[in-house]
Amino acid sequence: MTRFLAAYTHLAHRFSSIHSSGGKHTHGFVSVFENDRVHVIADSHLMQPKNTHDCDAKCIAMLYLDNSDTCFSRLIGGFACLIWDKCKRTLMAAKDYVGEYSLYYAAGLNGEVYFSNNIKSLREVQGVSSQLNPVSIAKFLALITPDKTNTFFSSIKKVPSATCLHFKPSGEIVTSSFWDPAKIAADPLVLNQTVDYYQTFRKLYQEVIADSLRGKQSVASHLSGGLDSTSVTNLSAAYLEPRNHTVHALAHVPKYEKKVIAKSNWSYDDRFYIEAAARFNPNIKLHYIDTEKPLFHYTQALHPFMDQPPLNPSNMLWMFDAALLAQSLGLSYLLTGQAGNSTISWPIYPTKKTGEFSLKHSVRALARKPYRYYQRKRYSPWASFSAIHPEFVASIDLLSHYAEEEGKRHYRQHRDRGSYYRTAFCDFVTPVNTAIRCLHGVAHIDPTLDRRIVEFFLRVPDTIFTDPTGRSRLLVREGLKGLMPDCVLDRTSRGMQSANWYYWLDNRKEFIIDLLHHWRSTDIAHYIDLEKLIVLMKKWSLTQAMHSQGRRYANIEYDYHLKLLRAIEVGLFIEPYL
């Protein structure tokens, strides 16, 4: 797919698009529109009205000309766009509600501001520095919270979600927000009966799926056998079946099964549910992804396009292979349900009864305060899952950043979903999806992240998601009855798409050990506690990982899946820029 890079020159007051090497025009997911008033570039997937065949850039331009103040709040779908208002001599850069699309900007040598939907294009501009941003690196390693405005590169910023930046001719940047999940949550949806919520959701979800697929032929879909991916796959197939189009379901099943189940409700082989979903609609064609690539195999391809490393390195293998398979099938769109746990299948506290939420949560939180205070005095708050170097922590006063992030996290999840949604995972997922789209022309679409679904999720009461017996995720279980297999609707186990992570790690053991020793003599040793990781690798035992369960497995996962693999990914990401 052609990437876009746009430049806005303050001195000349002009807006010009610069296409990718080779001089090709923008195509695929990027659209351009210009008239005597505006010039628009959009990287997007908008849900336009039926029988509308205008490109997304023209749709945005018409809404802007109709009412510039409400333009972005009227859009539904994912988008990152630039609008050059020729009369006002102002450039606007805006990104969708939850950050499904990337939009970065950086200053040039002579007052220019460059924009791109990927980091690689900006770093190739003369004068844009690749100097690393230590605070962003520390936050990624220790706080596991995405930075809304900064990237791993000091000179490159990103447009936050649901935000429009106004770049004035004077050089001033004015920020405005056009969507606030907390305000949406403050306006509850009140219906007469519980069943009314399920019926409303059913109709809305079918509408969202239809809008996501309008104008498309066959598509690919991630299918894990869980509630979210199955709902997306089956409802998409139901919409496409009368149109004689196919859903290619892409499923990954771990090649090696763990000898001992780590937790009683975990499932390592979801073939039963996957194949039930594939049989449910006649126009679903099932493809199993056999991931044989070693850990970090796709690192060199992915990293140049990303503003930060992948959060979960082991997920990259099957996600990237799924995109490659979709591309080989000639498909441009890959449907997912990755955001489902934050919207349609919100779990609350699955093992607790509704009446116990408030009291038990409050008492438990109160009882743990002295213990947490003691732990924080004795250990760093991130010691259990991060390999960040202590001297690096001290050099940037990470504790103050930690206190700030903790203040944002202190909310009651089951009561304040508006606050919870501010921590949505899009800032981690989007860079990966952007890289895959730039490399292979395959766009990810997640109907569970559609603005209408998110707003419905924010407005309904908690009792819609669970009942007094502790049965959870009822919005999907009750709302989608008859539209997907009963065995999936009734399942209580949790699938594990990255269950093979310890086999993948064991196969790369020598590579990791050599890498850690090599990094000792580089600046990476300033950021990562390499000695701690070397000790971990000396203790590594595949047999122990295979037979562990409960707290023992949790400790192994924290040490290796989180602490080790994430640190290796960060090291590989920053190494070219040191």
Protein backbone atom coordinates (compact mmCIF):
# COMPACT_ATOMS: atom_id res chain seq x y z
CA MET A 1 0.00 0.00 0.00
CA THR A 2 1.26 3.47 -0.81
CA ARG A 3 2.04 5.42 2.33
CA PHE A 4 1.32 9.12 2.57
CA LEU A 5 3.66 11.84 3.71
CA ALA A 6 2.45 15.42 3.74
CA ALA A 7 4.32 18.64 4.41
CA TYR A 8 2.98 21.94 5.67
CA THR A 9 5.34 24.90 5.20
CA HIS A 10 4.62 27.82 7.51
CA LEU A 11 6.70 30.25 5.49
CA ALA A 12 5.03 29.59 2.15
CA HIS A 13 1.59 28.81 3.62
CA ARG A 14 1.10 25.87 1.36
CA PHE A 15 0.06 22.27 1.78
CA SER A 16 1.50 19.60 -0.50
CA SER A 17 1.28 15.85 -0.59
CA ILE A 18 4.47 13.88 -1.12
CA HIS A 19 3.90 10.34 -2.32
CA SER A 20 6.02 7.27 -1.71
CA SER A 21 9.19 6.46 -3.61
CA GLY A 22 8.49 5.63 -7.23
CA GLY A 23 6.14 8.57 -7.67
CA LYS A 24 2.97 6.48 -7.51
CA HIS A 25 -0.32 8.14 -6.70
CA THR A 26 -2.01 7.39 -3.40
CA HIS A 27 -4.31 4.43 -3.59
CA GLY A 28 -5.69 1.62 -1.47
CA PHE A 29 -6.75 3.01 1.91
CA VAL A 30 -5.44 6.55 1.40
CA SER A 31 -7.67 9.03 -0.42
CA VAL A 32 -7.15 12.63 -1.55
CA PHE A 33 -9.68 15.36 -2.34
CA GLU A 34 -9.18 19.01 -3.28
CA ASN A 35 -11.36 21.93 -4.31
CA ASP A 36 -11.01 25.71 -4.12
CA ARG A 37 -11.60 25.70 -0.33
CA VAL A 38 -9.88 22.64 1.11
CA HIS A 39 -7.26 19.99 0.44
CA VAL A 40 -7.84 16.72 2.33
CA ILE A 41 -5.72 13.58 2.74
CA ALA A 42 -7.29 10.70 4.66
CA ASP A 43 -6.03 7.29 5.71
CA SER A 44 -9.31 5.82 6.78
CA HIS A 45 -12.14 3.35 6.79
CA LEU A 46 -15.30 5.40 7.27
CA MET A 47 -18.85 4.10 7.57
CA GLN A 48 -20.48 6.28 4.92
CA PRO A 49 -24.23 6.45 4.24
CA LYS A 50 -25.68 3.78 1.94
CA ASN A 51 -25.46 4.43 -1.79
CA THR A 52 -22.57 6.83 -1.22
CA HIS A 53 -19.58 6.18 -3.45
CA ASP A 54 -17.46 9.22 -2.62
CA CYS A 55 -13.95 8.64 -1.35
CA ASP A 56 -13.43 9.17 2.38
CA ALA A 57 -11.41 12.34 1.82
CA LYS A 58 -14.32 13.92 -0.06
CA CYS A 59 -16.76 12.85 2.66
CA ILE A 60 -14.58 14.56 5.29
CA ALA A 61 -14.25 17.67 3.11
CA MET A 62 -18.01 18.00 2.66
CA LEU A 63 -18.65 17.63 6.40
CA TYR A 64 -15.95 20.18 7.15
CA LEU A 65 -17.38 22.71 4.69
CA ASP A 66 -20.86 22.15 6.12
CA ASN A 67 -19.74 22.77 9.72
CA SER A 68 -16.06 22.82 10.61
CA ASP A 69 -16.80 22.72 14.35
CA THR A 70 -18.72 19.41 14.25
CA CYS A 71 -16.96 17.74 11.32
CA PHE A 72 -14.99 15.09 13.19
CA SER A 73 -17.69 14.29 15.76
CA ARG A 74 -20.00 13.30 12.88
CA LEU A 75 -17.60 10.71 11.47
CA ILE A 76 -17.99 7.00 12.25
CA GLY A 77 -15.13 4.62 11.56
CA GLY A 78 -11.37 4.74 11.77
CA PHE A 79 -9.52 7.69 10.30
CA ALA A 80 -6.39 9.82 10.36
CA CYS A 81 -6.71 12.91 8.21
CA LEU A 82 -5.22 16.26 7.29
CA ILE A 83 -7.34 19.23 6.19
CA TRP A 84 -5.71 22.32 4.70
CA ASP A 85 -8.17 25.23 4.86
CA LYS A 86 -7.04 27.52 2.06
CA CYS A 87 -9.06 30.49 3.30
CA LYS A 88 -8.03 30.31 6.97
CA ARG A 89 -4.46 29.27 6.13
CA THR A 90 -4.77 26.61 8.82
CA LEU A 91 -3.95 22.92 8.77
CA MET A 92 -5.92 20.46 10.89
CA ALA A 93 -4.64 17.01 11.81
CA ALA A 94 -7.20 14.69 13.40
CA LYS A 95 -7.43 11.07 14.52
CA ASP A 96 -10.44 8.89 15.27
CA TYR A 97 -12.07 8.25 18.62
CA VAL A 98 -10.03 5.29 19.84
CA GLY A 99 -6.92 5.58 17.71
CA GLU A 100 -7.44 2.84 15.12
CA TYR A 101 -5.25 4.80 12.70
CA SER A 102 -1.83 6.35 13.24
CA LEU A 103 -0.89 9.97 12.55
CA TYR A 104 2.56 11.36 13.37
CA TYR A 105 4.22 14.72 12.82
CA ALA A 106 7.70 16.23 13.08
CA ALA A 107 9.36 19.57 12.41
CA GLY A 108 11.69 20.00 9.44
CA LEU A 109 14.83 22.12 9.02
CA ASN A 110 13.16 25.24 7.59
CA GLY A 111 9.93 25.55 9.54
CA GLU A 112 8.08 22.73 7.79
CA VAL A 113 5.87 20.33 9.68
CA TYR A 114 5.82 16.85 8.19
CA PHE A 115 2.99 14.37 8.71
CA SER A 116 2.74 10.65 8.07
CA ASN A 117 0.70 7.61 8.98
CA ASN A 118 3.91 5.74 9.78
CA ILE A 119 7.21 6.51 11.51
CA LYS A 120 9.43 5.27 8.68
CA SER A 121 8.38 7.99 6.25
CA LEU A 122 9.14 10.72 8.79
CA ARG A 123 12.54 9.34 9.73
CA GLU A 124 13.51 9.42 6.05
CA VAL A 125 12.94 13.19 5.91
CA GLN A 126 16.17 15.17 6.07
CA GLY A 127 16.35 17.10 9.33
CA VAL A 128 14.02 14.84 11.32
CA SER A 129 16.14 13.34 14.09
CA SER A 130 15.97 9.71 15.22
CA GLN A 131 17.16 10.60 18.72
CA LEU A 132 15.48 8.37 21.29
CA ASN A 133 13.01 9.61 23.90
CA PRO A 134 14.12 8.12 27.26
CA VAL A 135 10.84 8.89 29.07
CA SER A 136 8.76 7.02 26.49
CA ILE A 137 11.14 4.05 26.66
CA ALA A 138 10.92 3.99 30.46
CA LYS A 139 7.13 4.21 30.45
CA PHE A 140 6.90 1.33 28.00
CA LEU A 141 9.29 -0.86 30.01
CA ALA A 142 8.04 -0.08 33.50
CA LEU A 143 4.53 1.34 33.39
CA ILE A 144 3.05 -0.52 30.40
CA THR A 145 1.00 2.55 29.58
CA PRO A 146 0.98 4.07 26.10
CA ASP A 147 2.06 7.68 25.76
CA LYS A 148 -0.75 9.58 24.07
CA THR A 149 1.42 12.23 22.42
CA ASN A 150 5.06 11.08 22.43
CA THR A 151 6.86 8.29 20.59
CA PHE A 152 10.18 6.51 21.13
CA PHE A 153 11.72 9.36 19.09
CA SER A 154 12.09 12.80 20.70
CA SER A 155 11.46 14.76 17.50
CA ILE A 156 8.37 12.80 16.39
CA LYS A 157 4.99 13.31 18.04
CA LYS A 158 1.65 11.64 17.47
CA VAL A 159 -1.84 13.07 17.26
CA PRO A 160 -3.85 11.74 20.24
CA SER A 161 -7.10 9.86 19.74
CA ALA A 162 -10.31 11.91 19.42
CA THR A 163 -8.19 15.02 18.99
CA CYS A 164 -7.72 17.68 16.33
CA LEU A 165 -4.52 19.73 16.20
CA HIS A 166 -4.85 23.14 14.51
CA PHE A 167 -1.53 24.29 13.04
CA LYS A 168 -1.69 28.07 12.64
CA PRO A 169 0.47 30.08 10.16
CA SER A 170 2.19 31.66 13.16
CA GLY A 171 3.45 28.25 14.24
CA GLU A 172 1.00 27.97 17.15
CA ILE A 173 -0.63 24.56 17.67
CA VAL A 174 -4.14 24.61 19.17
CA THR A 175 -5.54 21.33 20.52
CA SER A 176 -9.22 20.44 20.65
CA SER A 177 -10.98 17.21 21.62
CA PHE A 178 -14.14 16.06 19.87
CA TRP A 179 -15.12 12.96 21.88
CA ASP A 180 -15.01 12.13 25.60
CA PRO A 181 -15.91 8.59 26.78
CA ALA A 182 -16.52 9.83 30.33
CA LYS A 183 -19.23 12.19 29.08
CA ILE A 184 -20.83 9.38 27.09
CA ALA A 185 -20.86 7.16 30.18
CA ALA A 186 -22.46 9.98 32.19
CA ASP A 187 -25.56 9.74 29.96
CA PRO A 188 -26.89 6.22 30.73
CA LEU A 189 -29.18 4.35 28.37
CA VAL A 190 -32.40 3.46 30.21
CA LEU A 191 -34.65 0.78 28.72
CA ASN A 192 -37.67 -0.94 30.24
CA GLN A 193 -36.39 -4.50 30.56
CA THR A 194 -33.08 -6.33 30.48
CA VAL A 195 -34.06 -8.13 27.30
CA ASP A 196 -34.49 -4.76 25.57
CA TYR A 197 -30.77 -4.07 25.98
CA TYR A 198 -29.90 -7.40 24.37
CA GLN A 199 -32.27 -6.82 21.45
CA THR A 200 -30.94 -3.29 20.94
CA PHE A 201 -27.36 -4.57 20.97
CA ARG A 202 -28.20 -7.38 18.54
CA LYS A 203 -29.67 -4.95 16.01
CA LEU A 204 -26.84 -2.44 16.49
CA TYR A 205 -24.08 -5.04 16.13
CA GLN A 206 -25.60 -6.42 12.92
CA GLU A 207 -25.77 -2.86 11.58
CA VAL A 208 -22.11 -2.23 12.47
CA ILE A 209 -21.01 -5.48 10.80
CA ALA A 210 -23.00 -4.58 7.67
CA ASP A 211 -21.48 -1.10 7.54
CA SER A 212 -17.99 -2.54 7.99
CA LEU A 213 -18.49 -4.86 5.01
CA ARG A 214 -20.45 -2.59 2.67
CA GLY A 215 -18.90 -2.56 -0.78
CA LYS A 216 -16.53 -5.41 0.04
CA GLN A 217 -16.45 -8.88 -1.36
CA SER A 218 -14.67 -11.73 0.39
CA VAL A 219 -12.76 -10.86 3.57
CA ALA A 220 -10.50 -12.58 6.09
CA SER A 221 -11.30 -12.86 9.79
CA HIS A 222 -9.31 -13.84 12.86
CA LEU A 223 -11.07 -16.79 14.50
CA SER A 224 -9.87 -17.91 17.92
CA GLY A 225 -13.03 -19.72 19.02
CA GLY A 226 -13.75 -17.10 21.68
CA LEU A 227 -16.89 -15.00 21.97
CA ASP A 228 -15.56 -11.89 20.24
CA SER A 229 -13.82 -13.29 17.16
CA THR A 230 -16.60 -15.84 16.64
CA SER A 231 -19.27 -13.14 16.74
CA VAL A 232 -17.39 -11.07 14.16
CA THR A 233 -16.80 -14.10 11.90
CA ASN A 234 -20.32 -15.54 12.03
CA LEU A 235 -22.18 -12.24 11.69
CA SER A 236 -19.92 -11.21 8.81
CA ALA A 237 -20.60 -14.52 7.07
CA ALA A 238 -24.35 -14.07 7.58
CA TYR A 239 -24.17 -10.65 5.92
CA LEU A 240 -22.02 -11.82 2.99
CA GLU A 241 -23.81 -15.13 2.29
CA PRO A 242 -26.73 -13.64 0.26
CA ARG A 243 -24.13 -11.73 -1.75
CA ASN A 244 -22.24 -14.96 -2.58
CA HIS A 245 -19.07 -13.84 -0.84
CA THR A 246 -16.81 -15.79 1.51
CA VAL A 247 -15.31 -15.20 4.93
CA HIS A 248 -11.86 -16.78 5.15
CA ALA A 249 -11.48 -17.64 8.84
CA LEU A 250 -7.83 -17.65 9.91
CA ALA A 251 -7.20 -19.67 13.06
CA HIS A 252 -4.07 -20.35 15.07
CA VAL A 253 -3.88 -23.41 17.30
CA PRO A 254 -0.78 -24.05 19.47
CA LYS A 255 1.34 -26.82 17.98
CA TYR A 256 2.51 -28.05 21.38
CA GLU A 257 0.12 -28.44 24.27
CA LYS A 258 1.15 -27.57 27.80
CA LYS A 259 1.62 -30.66 29.98
CA VAL A 260 -0.20 -29.11 32.93
CA ILE A 261 -3.01 -26.55 32.53
CA ALA A 262 -1.85 -23.37 34.26
CA LYS A 263 -5.37 -22.40 35.36
CA SER A 264 -8.53 -24.48 35.48
CA ASN A 265 -10.44 -22.29 33.00
CA TRP A 266 -7.67 -22.01 30.39
CA SER A 267 -7.90 -23.85 27.08
CA TYR A 268 -4.86 -24.58 24.90
CA ASP A 269 -6.61 -26.08 21.92
CA ASP A 270 -9.83 -24.41 20.78
CA ARG A 271 -10.29 -26.47 17.61
CA PHE A 272 -13.69 -27.67 18.83
CA TYR A 273 -15.04 -24.10 19.06
CA ILE A 274 -13.22 -22.90 15.95
CA GLU A 275 -14.65 -25.67 13.78
CA ALA A 276 -18.13 -25.23 15.25
CA ALA A 277 -18.00 -21.58 14.22
CA ALA A 278 -16.72 -22.48 10.74
CA ARG A 279 -19.58 -24.97 10.24
CA PHE A 280 -22.22 -22.50 11.40
CA ASN A 281 -22.28 -20.58 8.10
CA PRO A 282 -21.81 -22.31 4.73
CA ASN A 283 -19.71 -19.46 3.31
CA ILE A 284 -16.94 -19.70 5.91
CA LYS A 285 -13.71 -21.26 4.71
CA LEU A 286 -11.38 -22.26 7.54
CA HIS A 287 -7.59 -21.89 7.28
CA TYR A 288 -5.26 -22.96 10.08
CA ILE A 289 -2.12 -20.90 10.55
CA ASP A 290 0.91 -23.06 11.23
CA THR A 291 3.43 -20.65 12.73
CA GLU A 292 6.90 -22.13 12.40
CA LYS A 293 8.81 -18.85 12.45
CA PRO A 294 11.21 -18.20 15.36
CA LEU A 295 10.61 -15.45 17.90
CA PHE A 296 11.50 -11.96 16.60
CA HIS A 297 11.41 -13.25 13.01
CA TYR A 298 9.35 -10.26 11.82
CA THR A 299 11.12 -7.68 13.96
CA GLN A 300 13.27 -6.27 11.17
CA ALA A 301 10.24 -5.79 8.93
CA LEU A 302 7.86 -4.35 11.54
CA HIS A 303 9.99 -2.02 13.64
CA PRO A 304 10.84 0.67 11.04
CA PHE A 305 7.13 1.52 10.65
CA MET A 306 6.31 1.63 14.37
CA ASP A 307 6.58 4.33 17.04
CA GLN A 308 7.20 1.73 19.77
CA PRO A 309 7.86 -2.04 19.95
CA PRO A 310 5.04 -4.60 20.02
CA LEU A 311 3.71 -5.14 23.54
CA ASN A 312 3.54 -8.92 23.15
CA PRO A 313 6.33 -10.33 20.92
CA SER A 314 4.85 -13.84 20.83
CA ASN A 315 1.57 -12.57 19.37
CA MET A 316 3.43 -11.02 16.45
CA LEU A 317 4.18 -14.40 14.89
CA TRP A 318 0.63 -15.60 14.28
CA MET A 319 -0.75 -12.08 13.69
CA PHE A 320 1.81 -11.41 10.96
CA ASP A 321 1.35 -14.86 9.44
CA ALA A 322 -2.41 -14.24 9.36
CA ALA A 323 -1.86 -11.02 7.41
CA LEU A 324 0.47 -12.80 4.99
CA LEU A 325 -2.14 -15.52 4.45
CA ALA A 326 -4.83 -12.91 3.83
CA GLN A 327 -2.57 -11.21 1.31
CA SER A 328 -1.88 -14.52 -0.46
CA LEU A 329 -5.65 -15.01 -0.76
CA GLY A 330 -5.94 -11.62 -2.45
CA LEU A 331 -7.80 -10.07 0.49
CA SER A 332 -7.36 -6.48 1.63
CA TYR A 333 -9.36 -6.59 4.88
CA LEU A 334 -8.84 -8.68 7.98
CA LEU A 335 -11.64 -8.56 10.56
CA THR A 336 -10.82 -8.96 14.24
CA GLY A 337 -12.56 -8.84 17.61
CA GLN A 338 -9.50 -7.81 19.59
CA ALA A 339 -11.26 -5.01 21.48
CA GLY A 340 -14.15 -7.23 22.56
CA ASN A 341 -12.97 -7.59 26.16
CA SER A 342 -13.16 -3.81 26.45
CA THR A 343 -16.63 -3.55 24.88
CA ILE A 344 -19.09 -6.29 23.94
CA SER A 345 -17.81 -9.01 26.30
CA TRP A 346 -16.83 -6.79 29.22
CA PRO A 347 -16.06 -9.34 31.97
CA ILE A 348 -16.44 -7.21 35.14
CA TYR A 349 -15.61 -9.83 37.80
CA PRO A 350 -16.70 -13.16 36.28
CA THR A 351 -16.23 -15.21 39.45
CA LYS A 352 -18.15 -12.88 41.80
CA LYS A 353 -21.86 -12.44 42.32
CA THR A 354 -23.28 -9.06 41.33
CA GLY A 355 -24.34 -8.20 44.87
CA GLU A 356 -20.82 -8.83 46.14
CA PHE A 357 -18.97 -6.51 43.75
CA SER A 358 -19.05 -3.32 45.77
CA LEU A 359 -18.49 -4.72 49.29
CA LYS A 360 -15.87 -7.34 48.41
CA HIS A 361 -13.97 -5.03 46.11
CA SER A 362 -13.89 -2.26 48.71
CA VAL A 363 -12.84 -4.51 51.60
CA ARG A 364 -10.17 -6.24 49.52
CA ALA A 365 -8.75 -2.95 48.27
CA LEU A 366 -8.65 -1.58 51.82
CA ALA A 367 -6.99 -4.71 53.20
CA ARG A 368 -4.28 -4.69 50.54
CA LYS A 369 -3.22 -1.08 51.09
CA PRO A 370 -0.72 -1.79 53.91
CA TYR A 371 0.75 -4.73 51.95
CA ARG A 372 1.13 -2.63 48.79
CA TYR A 373 2.73 0.18 50.79
CA TYR A 374 5.23 -2.29 52.26
CA GLN A 375 5.97 -3.81 48.86
CA ARG A 376 6.58 -0.41 47.26
CA LYS A 377 8.91 0.61 50.05
CA ARG A 378 10.89 -2.60 49.68
CA TYR A 379 10.75 -3.11 45.91
CA SER A 380 10.18 -0.99 42.82
CA PRO A 381 6.50 -1.06 41.75
CA TRP A 382 7.51 -2.59 38.42
CA ALA A 383 10.10 -5.08 39.71
CA SER A 384 7.97 -8.16 39.07
CA PHE A 385 7.43 -7.59 35.35
CA SER A 386 10.06 -5.13 34.09
CA ALA A 387 13.79 -5.42 33.36
CA ILE A 388 14.36 -1.66 33.30
CA HIS A 389 17.80 -0.69 34.64
CA PRO A 390 17.71 0.92 38.14
CA GLU A 391 20.15 3.67 37.12
CA PHE A 392 17.98 4.52 34.12
CA VAL A 393 14.99 4.75 36.47
CA ALA A 394 16.86 7.21 38.70
CA SER A 395 18.03 9.35 35.77
CA ILE A 396 14.49 10.25 34.68
CA ASP A 397 12.66 10.19 38.04
CA LEU A 398 10.35 7.41 36.91
CA LEU A 399 8.57 7.27 40.27
CA SER A 400 6.94 10.63 39.59
CA HIS A 401 5.64 9.34 36.26
CA TYR A 402 4.46 6.19 38.03
CA ALA A 403 2.54 8.22 40.61
CA GLU A 404 0.87 10.18 37.81
CA GLU A 405 -0.18 7.02 35.96
CA GLU A 406 -1.39 5.35 39.17
CA GLY A 407 -3.59 8.36 39.82
CA LYS A 408 -5.23 7.79 36.43
CA ARG A 409 -5.69 4.08 37.13
CA HIS A 410 -7.40 4.43 40.48
CA TYR A 411 -10.98 3.95 39.43
CA ARG A 412 -13.57 1.30 40.12
CA GLN A 413 -13.69 -0.72 36.94
CA HIS A 414 -17.19 -2.05 37.39
CA ARG A 415 -18.61 1.44 38.01
CA ASP A 416 -16.58 3.74 35.78
CA ARG A 417 -16.18 2.21 32.34
CA GLY A 418 -15.62 5.71 30.91
CA SER A 419 -12.39 6.01 32.87
CA TYR A 420 -11.43 2.43 32.04
CA TYR A 421 -11.85 3.04 28.35
CA ARG A 422 -9.20 5.75 28.41
CA THR A 423 -6.69 2.92 28.89
CA ALA A 424 -7.87 1.00 25.83
CA PHE A 425 -5.16 -1.00 24.12
CA CYS A 426 -5.36 0.78 20.75
CA ASP A 427 -2.13 2.69 21.30
CA PHE A 428 -0.38 -0.70 21.53
CA VAL A 429 -2.26 -2.49 18.73
CA THR A 430 -2.45 0.32 16.17
CA PRO A 431 1.32 0.59 15.45
CA VAL A 432 1.40 -3.13 14.60
CA ASN A 433 -1.68 -2.89 12.37
CA THR A 434 -0.23 0.20 10.68
CA ALA A 435 3.03 -1.61 9.94
CA ILE A 436 1.20 -4.61 8.48
CA ARG A 437 -1.00 -2.34 6.36
CA CYS A 438 2.00 -0.43 5.02
CA LEU A 439 3.97 -3.60 4.30
CA HIS A 440 1.28 -5.86 2.87
CA GLY A 441 -1.82 -3.78 2.10
CA VAL A 442 -3.99 -5.65 4.61
CA ALA A 443 -6.14 -3.45 6.85
CA HIS A 444 -7.50 -4.62 10.20
CA ILE A 445 -11.13 -3.75 10.95
CA ASP A 446 -12.52 -4.37 14.43
CA PRO A 447 -16.34 -4.02 14.65
CA THR A 448 -16.13 -4.38 18.44
CA LEU A 449 -14.29 -1.04 18.43
CA ASP A 450 -16.85 0.81 16.32
CA ARG A 451 -17.83 4.12 17.88
CA ARG A 452 -21.51 3.10 18.11
CA ILE A 453 -20.59 -0.12 19.93
CA VAL A 454 -18.25 1.73 22.29
CA GLU A 455 -20.91 4.31 23.14
CA PHE A 456 -23.52 1.61 23.74
CA PHE A 457 -21.06 -0.23 25.99
CA LEU A 458 -20.37 2.94 27.97
CA ARG A 459 -24.05 3.73 28.53
CA VAL A 460 -25.59 0.43 29.64
CA PRO A 461 -25.72 -0.75 33.28
CA ASP A 462 -23.33 -3.36 34.68
CA THR A 463 -26.19 -5.80 35.24
CA ILE A 464 -26.44 -6.23 31.46
CA PHE A 465 -23.04 -7.94 31.45
CA THR A 466 -23.56 -10.35 34.34
CA ASP A 467 -26.25 -11.87 36.54
CA PRO A 468 -26.49 -12.67 40.28
CA THR A 469 -25.20 -16.21 39.72
CA GLY A 470 -21.87 -14.90 38.44
CA ARG A 471 -22.53 -15.76 34.77
CA SER A 472 -20.69 -13.10 32.79
CA ARG A 473 -20.36 -11.60 29.29
CA LEU A 474 -24.11 -11.72 28.88
CA LEU A 475 -24.32 -8.98 26.26
CA VAL A 476 -22.91 -11.44 23.72
CA ARG A 477 -24.30 -14.64 25.24
CA GLU A 478 -27.88 -13.35 25.35
CA GLY A 479 -27.81 -10.74 22.62
CA LEU A 480 -26.40 -12.97 19.87
CA LYS A 481 -28.31 -16.21 20.48
CA GLY A 482 -28.97 -17.99 17.21
CA LEU A 483 -26.33 -15.99 15.34
CA MET A 484 -23.36 -18.09 16.46
CA PRO A 485 -22.88 -21.62 17.86
CA ASP A 486 -24.39 -22.38 21.28
CA CYS A 487 -21.21 -24.17 22.34
CA VAL A 488 -19.27 -20.90 21.94
CA LEU A 489 -21.97 -18.82 23.61
CA ASP A 490 -21.95 -21.18 26.60
CA ARG A 491 -18.20 -21.67 26.95
CA THR A 492 -16.52 -20.48 30.13
CA SER A 493 -12.92 -21.37 29.29
CA ARG A 494 -10.36 -18.87 28.06
CA GLY A 495 -8.42 -19.51 24.87
CA MET A 496 -4.65 -19.05 24.70
CA GLN A 497 -3.46 -18.01 21.24
CA SER A 498 0.13 -17.53 22.43
CA ALA A 499 0.26 -20.71 24.50
CA ASN A 500 3.43 -21.78 22.70
CA TRP A 501 5.48 -18.84 23.93
CA TYR A 502 7.75 -21.03 26.11
CA TYR A 503 8.52 -23.37 23.19
CA TRP A 504 9.32 -20.38 21.00
CA LEU A 505 11.53 -18.96 23.76
CA ASP A 506 13.32 -22.28 24.26
CA ASN A 507 14.04 -22.53 20.52
CA ARG A 508 15.67 -19.09 20.64
CA LYS A 509 17.54 -19.62 23.89
CA GLU A 510 21.04 -19.49 22.39
CA PHE A 511 20.16 -16.45 20.27
CA ILE A 512 18.84 -14.58 23.33
CA ILE A 513 21.87 -15.43 25.49
CA ASP A 514 24.30 -14.30 22.76
CA LEU A 515 22.29 -11.12 22.25
CA LEU A 516 22.30 -10.24 25.96
CA HIS A 517 26.07 -10.71 26.20
CA HIS A 518 26.60 -8.63 23.05
CA TRP A 519 24.45 -5.80 24.42
CA ARG A 520 26.64 -5.56 27.54
CA SER A 521 29.11 -3.47 25.52
CA THR A 522 26.45 -1.21 23.98
CA ASP A 523 24.27 1.67 25.20
CA ILE A 524 21.37 -0.76 25.57
CA ALA A 525 22.93 -1.65 28.93
CA HIS A 526 21.92 1.85 30.09
CA TYR A 527 18.22 1.09 29.54
CA ILE A 528 17.89 -2.62 30.37
CA ASP A 529 19.18 -4.59 33.34
CA LEU A 530 21.04 -7.15 31.22
CA GLU A 531 22.60 -8.92 34.21
CA LYS A 532 19.16 -9.70 35.58
CA LEU A 533 18.09 -11.16 32.23
CA ILE A 534 21.28 -13.21 31.90
CA VAL A 535 20.57 -14.74 35.32
CA LEU A 536 17.01 -15.51 34.20
CA MET A 537 18.27 -17.31 31.10
CA LYS A 538 20.63 -19.40 33.23
CA LYS A 539 17.61 -20.50 35.27
CA TRP A 540 15.40 -21.19 32.25
CA SER A 541 13.83 -24.65 32.14
CA LEU A 542 11.35 -25.70 29.46
CA THR A 543 10.29 -28.68 31.56
CA GLN A 544 9.51 -26.44 34.52
CA ALA A 545 7.45 -24.09 32.34
CA MET A 546 5.51 -26.99 30.81
CA HIS A 547 4.57 -28.50 34.18
CA SER A 548 3.91 -25.31 36.15
CA GLN A 549 0.52 -24.07 37.25
CA GLY A 550 -1.08 -21.50 39.53
CA ARG A 551 1.25 -19.00 41.18
CA ARG A 552 4.32 -20.88 39.95
CA TYR A 553 3.23 -20.47 36.33
CA ALA A 554 2.37 -16.81 36.95
CA ASN A 555 5.90 -16.16 38.22
CA ILE A 556 7.42 -17.86 35.17
CA GLU A 557 5.18 -15.87 32.85
CA TYR A 558 6.10 -12.60 34.58
CA ASP A 559 9.82 -13.37 34.45
CA TYR A 560 10.03 -14.61 30.88
CA HIS A 561 6.93 -13.74 28.86
CA LEU A 562 6.74 -10.19 30.22
CA LYS A 563 10.09 -9.19 31.67
CA LEU A 564 12.50 -10.99 29.32
CA LEU A 565 10.73 -11.01 25.94
CA ARG A 566 9.49 -7.44 26.25
CA ALA A 567 12.99 -6.22 27.16
CA ILE A 568 14.48 -8.08 24.18
CA GLU A 569 11.90 -6.46 21.90
CA VAL A 570 12.77 -3.00 23.26
CA GLY A 571 16.49 -3.67 22.81
CA LEU A 572 16.00 -4.76 19.20
CA PHE A 573 13.85 -1.70 18.56
CA ILE A 574 16.27 0.92 19.89
CA GLU A 575 19.55 -0.75 18.79
CA PRO A 576 19.67 0.84 15.29
CA TYR A 577 19.37 4.34 16.78
CA LEU A 578 22.11 4.14 19.42
